[in-house]
PDB file of N, CA and C in Angstrom:
ATOM      1  N   UNK A   1      90.020  72.142 102.349  1.00  0.00           N
ATOM      2  CA  UNK A   1      90.734  70.955 102.657  1.00  0.00           C
ATOM      3  C   UNK A   1      92.914  71.845 102.873  1.00  0.00           C
ATOM      4  N   UNK A   2      92.847  71.669 102.113  1.00  0.00           N
ATOM      5  CA  UNK A   2      94.488  72.532 101.546  1.00  0.00           C
ATOM      6  C   UNK A   2      94.264  73.536 102.940  1.00  0.00           C
ATOM      7  N   UNK A   3      93.533  74.099 102.999  1.00  0.00           N
ATOM      8  CA  UNK A   3      93.285  75.649 103.599  1.00  0.00           C
ATOM      9  C   UNK A   3      94.198  74.613 105.506  1.00  0.00           C
ATOM     10  N   UNK A   4      93.638  73.723 105.665  1.00  0.00           N
ATOM     11  CA  UNK A   4      94.289  72.757 107.176  1.00  0.00           C
ATOM     12  C   UNK A   4      95.469  72.682 107.030  1.00  0.00           C
ATOM     13  N   UNK A   5      95.628  72.023 105.727  1.00  0.00           N
ATOM     14  CA  UNK A   5      97.543  71.840 105.426  1.00  0.00           C
ATOM     15  C   UNK A   5      98.047  72.912 105.711  1.00  0.00           C
ATOM     16  N   UNK A   6      97.925  74.350 105.125  1.00  0.00           N
ATOM     17  CA  UNK A   6      98.426  75.139 105.024  1.00  0.00           C
ATOM     18  C   UNK A   6      98.085  75.795 106.585  1.00  0.00           C
ATOM     19  N   UNK A   7      97.749  75.508 107.510  1.00  0.00           N
ATOM     20  CA  UNK A   7      97.359  76.013 108.517  1.00  0.00           C
ATOM     21  C   UNK A   7      98.388  75.448 109.769  1.00  0.00           C
ATOM     22  N   UNK A   8      98.465  74.074 109.499  1.00  0.00           N
ATOM     23  CA  UNK A   8      99.382  72.730 110.089  1.00  0.00           C
ATOM     24  C   UNK A   8     100.911  72.925 109.831  1.00  0.00           C
ATOM     25  N   UNK A   9     100.944  73.393 109.008  1.00  0.00           N
ATOM     26  CA  UNK A   9     102.675  73.552 108.360  1.00  0.00           C
ATOM     27  C   UNK A   9     102.804  74.893 108.601  1.00  0.00           C
ATOM     28  N   UNK A  10     102.338  76.139 108.517  1.00  0.00           N
ATOM     29  CA  UNK A  10     103.144  77.130 108.334  1.00  0.00           C
ATOM     30  C   UNK A  10     103.285  77.490 110.162  1.00  0.00           C
ATOM     31  N   UNK A  11     102.029  77.428 110.871  1.00  0.00           N
ATOM     32  CA  UNK A  11     101.397  78.128 112.116  1.00  0.00           C
ATOM     33  C   UNK A  11     101.160  79.644 111.747  1.00  0.00           C
ATOM     34  N   UNK A  12     101.670  80.039 113.121  1.00  0.00           N
ATOM     35  CA  UNK A  12     101.627  81.158 113.132  1.00  0.00           C
ATOM     36  C   UNK A  12     102.588  82.341 112.062  1.00  0.00           C
ATOM     37  N   UNK A  13     102.599  81.780 110.595  1.00  0.00           N
ATOM     38  CA  UNK A  13     103.936  82.685 110.239  1.00  0.00           C
ATOM     39  C   UNK A  13     102.857  83.448 108.827  1.00  0.00           C
ATOM     40  N   UNK A  14     101.283  81.954 109.187  1.00  0.00           N
ATOM     41  CA  UNK A  14     100.002  82.788 108.349  1.00  0.00           C
ATOM     42  C   UNK A  14      99.553  84.176 108.903  1.00  0.00           C
ATOM     43  N   UNK A  15      99.244  84.116 109.956  1.00  0.00           N
ATOM     44  CA  UNK A  15      99.115  85.351 110.651  1.00  0.00           C
ATOM     45  C   UNK A  15     100.064  86.636 110.122  1.00  0.00           C
ATOM     46  N   UNK A  16     101.425  86.222 110.270  1.00  0.00           N
ATOM     47  CA  UNK A  16     101.821  87.224 110.283  1.00  0.00           C
ATOM     48  C   UNK A  16     102.086  87.956 108.895  1.00  0.00           C
ATOM     49  N   UNK A  17     102.086  86.427 107.801  1.00  0.00           N
ATOM     50  CA  UNK A  17     102.076  86.764 106.293  1.00  0.00           C
ATOM     51  C   UNK A  17     101.341  87.212 105.773  1.00  0.00           C
ATOM     52  N   UNK A  18      99.715  87.505 106.685  1.00  0.00           N
ATOM     53  CA  UNK A  18      98.140  88.093 105.842  1.00  0.00           C
ATOM     54  C   UNK A  18      98.866  89.452 106.489  1.00  0.00           C
ATOM     55  N   UNK A  19      99.560  89.827 107.569  1.00  0.00           N
ATOM     56  CA  UNK A  19      99.375  91.245 108.069  1.00  0.00           C
ATOM     57  C   UNK A  19     100.417  92.070 106.718  1.00  0.00           C
ATOM     58  N   UNK A  20     101.085  90.923 106.608  1.00  0.00           N
ATOM     59  CA  UNK A  20     103.131  92.199 105.256  1.00  0.00           C
ATOM     60  C   UNK A  20     101.729  91.872 104.115  1.00  0.00           C
ATOM     61  N   UNK A  21     101.182  90.922 103.909  1.00  0.00           N
ATOM     62  CA  UNK A  21     100.615  91.157 103.006  1.00  0.00           C
ATOM     63  C   UNK A  21      99.134  92.629 102.744  1.00  0.00           C
ATOM     64  N   UNK A  22      99.324  92.635 103.613  1.00  0.00           N
ATOM     65  CA  UNK A  22      97.664  94.598 103.717  1.00  0.00           C
ATOM     66  C   UNK A  22      98.735  95.437 104.216  1.00  0.00           C
ATOM     67  N   UNK A  23      99.776  95.276 103.919  1.00  0.00           N
ATOM     68  CA  UNK A  23     101.128  96.352 104.792  1.00  0.00           C
ATOM     69  C   UNK A  23     102.150  96.538 103.875  1.00  0.00           C
ATOM     70  N   UNK A  24     102.077  96.148 102.065  1.00  0.00           N
ATOM     71  CA  UNK A  24     102.967  95.637 101.913  1.00  0.00           C
ATOM     72  C   UNK A  24     103.917  96.668 101.073  1.00  0.00           C
ATOM     73  N   UNK A  25     103.194  98.039 100.870  1.00  0.00           N
ATOM     74  CA  UNK A  25     103.299  99.273 100.174  1.00  0.00           C
ATOM     75  C   UNK A  25     103.937  99.395 101.298  1.00  0.00           C
ATOM     76  N   UNK A  26     103.716  99.729 102.370  1.00  0.00           N
ATOM     77  CA  UNK A  26     104.463 100.552 103.838  1.00  0.00           C
ATOM     78  C   UNK A  26     105.585  99.412 103.738  1.00  0.00           C
ATOM     79  N   UNK A  27     105.379  98.933 103.802  1.00  0.00           N
ATOM     80  CA  UNK A  27     107.230  97.693 104.455  1.00  0.00           C
ATOM     81  C   UNK A  27     107.663  97.814 103.410  1.00  0.00           C
ATOM     82  N   UNK A  28     107.616  98.020 101.843  1.00  0.00           N
ATOM     83  CA  UNK A  28     108.377  97.619 100.634  1.00  0.00           C
ATOM     84  C   UNK A  28     109.654  98.975 100.468  1.00  0.00           C
ATOM     85  N   UNK A  29     108.608 100.271 100.867  1.00  0.00           N
ATOM     86  CA  UNK A  29     108.957 101.770 101.064  1.00  0.00           C
ATOM     87  C   UNK A  29     109.976 101.232 102.099  1.00  0.00           C
ATOM     88  N   UNK A  30     109.437 101.460 103.263  1.00  0.00           N
ATOM     89  CA  UNK A  30     110.970 101.092 103.898  1.00  0.00           C
ATOM     90  C   UNK A  30     112.220 100.581 103.819  1.00  0.00           C
ATOM     91  N   UNK A  31     111.773  99.413 103.431  1.00  0.00           N
ATOM     92  CA  UNK A  31     113.181  98.424 102.901  1.00  0.00           C
ATOM     93  C   UNK A  31     113.804  99.388 101.328  1.00  0.00           C
ATOM     94  N   UNK A  32     113.068  99.597 100.574  1.00  0.00           N
ATOM     95  CA  UNK A  32     114.134 100.292  99.808  1.00  0.00           C
ATOM     96  C   UNK A  32     114.515 101.696  99.983  1.00  0.00           C
ATOM     97  N   UNK A  33     114.024 102.514 100.796  1.00  0.00           N
ATOM     98  CA  UNK A  33     115.025 103.896 101.367  1.00  0.00           C
ATOM     99  C   UNK A  33     115.837 103.455 102.496  1.00  0.00           C
ATOM    100  N   UNK A  34     115.821 102.138 102.652  1.00  0.00           N
ATOM    101  CA  UNK A  34     116.698 101.942 104.059  1.00  0.00           C
ATOM    102  C   UNK A  34     117.979 101.324 102.326  1.00  0.00           C
ATOM    103  N   UNK A  35     117.545 100.739 101.808  1.00  0.00           N
ATOM    104  CA  UNK A  35     118.724 100.594 101.304  1.00  0.00           C
ATOM    105  C   UNK A  35     119.319 101.210 100.141  1.00  0.00           C
ATOM    106  N   UNK A  36     118.849 102.659  99.912  1.00  0.00           N
ATOM    107  CA  UNK A  36     119.692 103.751  98.941  1.00  0.00           C
ATOM    108  C   UNK A  36     119.868 104.378  99.808  1.00  0.00           C
ATOM    109  N   UNK A  37     119.108 104.074 101.500  1.00  0.00           N
ATOM    110  CA  UNK A  37     120.095 105.369 102.189  1.00  0.00           C
ATOM    111  C   UNK A  37     121.866 104.741 102.181  1.00  0.00           C
ATOM    112  N   UNK A  38     122.209 103.351 102.444  1.00  0.00           N
ATOM    113  CA  UNK A  38     122.699 102.735 102.933  1.00  0.00           C
ATOM    114  C   UNK A  38     123.652 102.364 101.856  1.00  0.00           C
ATOM    115  N   UNK A  39     123.204 102.570 100.718  1.00  0.00           N
ATOM    116  CA  UNK A  39     123.797 102.602  99.103  1.00  0.00           C
ATOM    117  C   UNK A  39     124.931 104.332  99.453  1.00  0.00           C
ATOM    118  N   UNK A  40     124.243 105.005  99.082  1.00  0.00           N
ATOM    119  CA  UNK A  40     124.810 106.427  99.556  1.00  0.00           C
ATOM    120  C   UNK A  40     125.526 106.617 100.081  1.00  0.00           C
ATOM    121  N   UNK A  41     125.181 106.649 101.523  1.00  0.00           N
ATOM    122  CA  UNK A  41     126.415 106.795 103.019  1.00  0.00           C
ATOM    123  C   UNK A  41     127.554 105.650 102.446  1.00  0.00           C
ATOM    124  N   UNK A  42     127.542 104.636 102.150  1.00  0.00           N
ATOM    125  CA  UNK A  42     128.741 103.441 101.238  1.00  0.00           C
ATOM    126  C   UNK A  42     129.461 104.529 100.195  1.00  0.00           C
ATOM    127  N   UNK A  43     129.327 105.235  99.673  1.00  0.00           N
ATOM    128  CA  UNK A  43     129.090 105.415  97.992  1.00  0.00           C
ATOM    129  C   UNK A  43     130.381 107.223  98.839  1.00  0.00           C
ATOM    130  N   UNK A  44     129.950 107.380  99.876  1.00  0.00           N
ATOM    131  CA  UNK A  44     130.297 108.531 100.161  1.00  0.00           C
ATOM    132  C   UNK A  44     131.259 108.549 100.747  1.00  0.00           C
ATOM    133  N   UNK A  45     130.992 107.672 102.068  1.00  0.00           N
ATOM    134  CA  UNK A  45     132.699 107.017 102.800  1.00  0.00           C
ATOM    135  C   UNK A  45     133.442 106.622 102.115  1.00  0.00           C
ATOM    136  N   UNK A  46     133.621 105.576 100.610  1.00  0.00           N
ATOM    137  CA  UNK A  46     134.404 105.578 100.018  1.00  0.00           C
ATOM    138  C   UNK A  46     135.037 106.918  99.381  1.00  0.00           C
ATOM    139  N   UNK A  47     133.979 107.852  98.892  1.00  0.00           N
ATOM    140  CA  UNK A  47     134.649 109.050  98.033  1.00  0.00           C
ATOM    141  C   UNK A  47     135.902 109.400  98.888  1.00  0.00           C
ATOM    142  N   UNK A  48     135.365 109.437 100.084  1.00  0.00           N
ATOM    143  CA  UNK A  48     135.877 110.796 101.396  1.00  0.00           C
ATOM    144  C   UNK A  48     137.870 110.268 102.040  1.00  0.00           C
ATOM    145  N   UNK A  49     137.547 108.525 101.794  1.00  0.00           N
ATOM    146  CA  UNK A  49     138.917 107.712 102.016  1.00  0.00           C
ATOM    147  C   UNK A  49     139.874 107.630 101.037  1.00  0.00           C
ATOM    148  N   UNK A  50     139.387 107.912  99.735  1.00  0.00           N
ATOM    149  CA  UNK A  50     140.273 107.967  98.696  1.00  0.00           C
ATOM    150  C   UNK A  50     140.475 109.058  98.420  1.00  0.00           C
ATOM    151  N   UNK A  51     139.932 110.744  98.881  1.00  0.00           N
ATOM    152  CA  UNK A  51     140.432 111.401  99.180  1.00  0.00           C
ATOM    153  C   UNK A  51     141.243 111.901  99.537  1.00  0.00           C
ATOM    154  N   UNK A  52     141.994 111.088 101.220  1.00  0.00           N
ATOM    155  CA  UNK A  52     142.583 111.669 102.025  1.00  0.00           C
ATOM    156  C   UNK A  52     143.997 111.123 101.101  1.00  0.00           C
TER     157      UNK A  52
END
């Protein structure tokens, strides 16, 4: 019964979330890598601007 409520309320998101949970390690690695890259490049840009 609860499963049918979840299917009705979440709709197609249920399929997307199942795909995400199956590949969670890959997605989280990509997201953390992008965040670290963004932090590194923004810090590098700030150092270059303050040195000028």
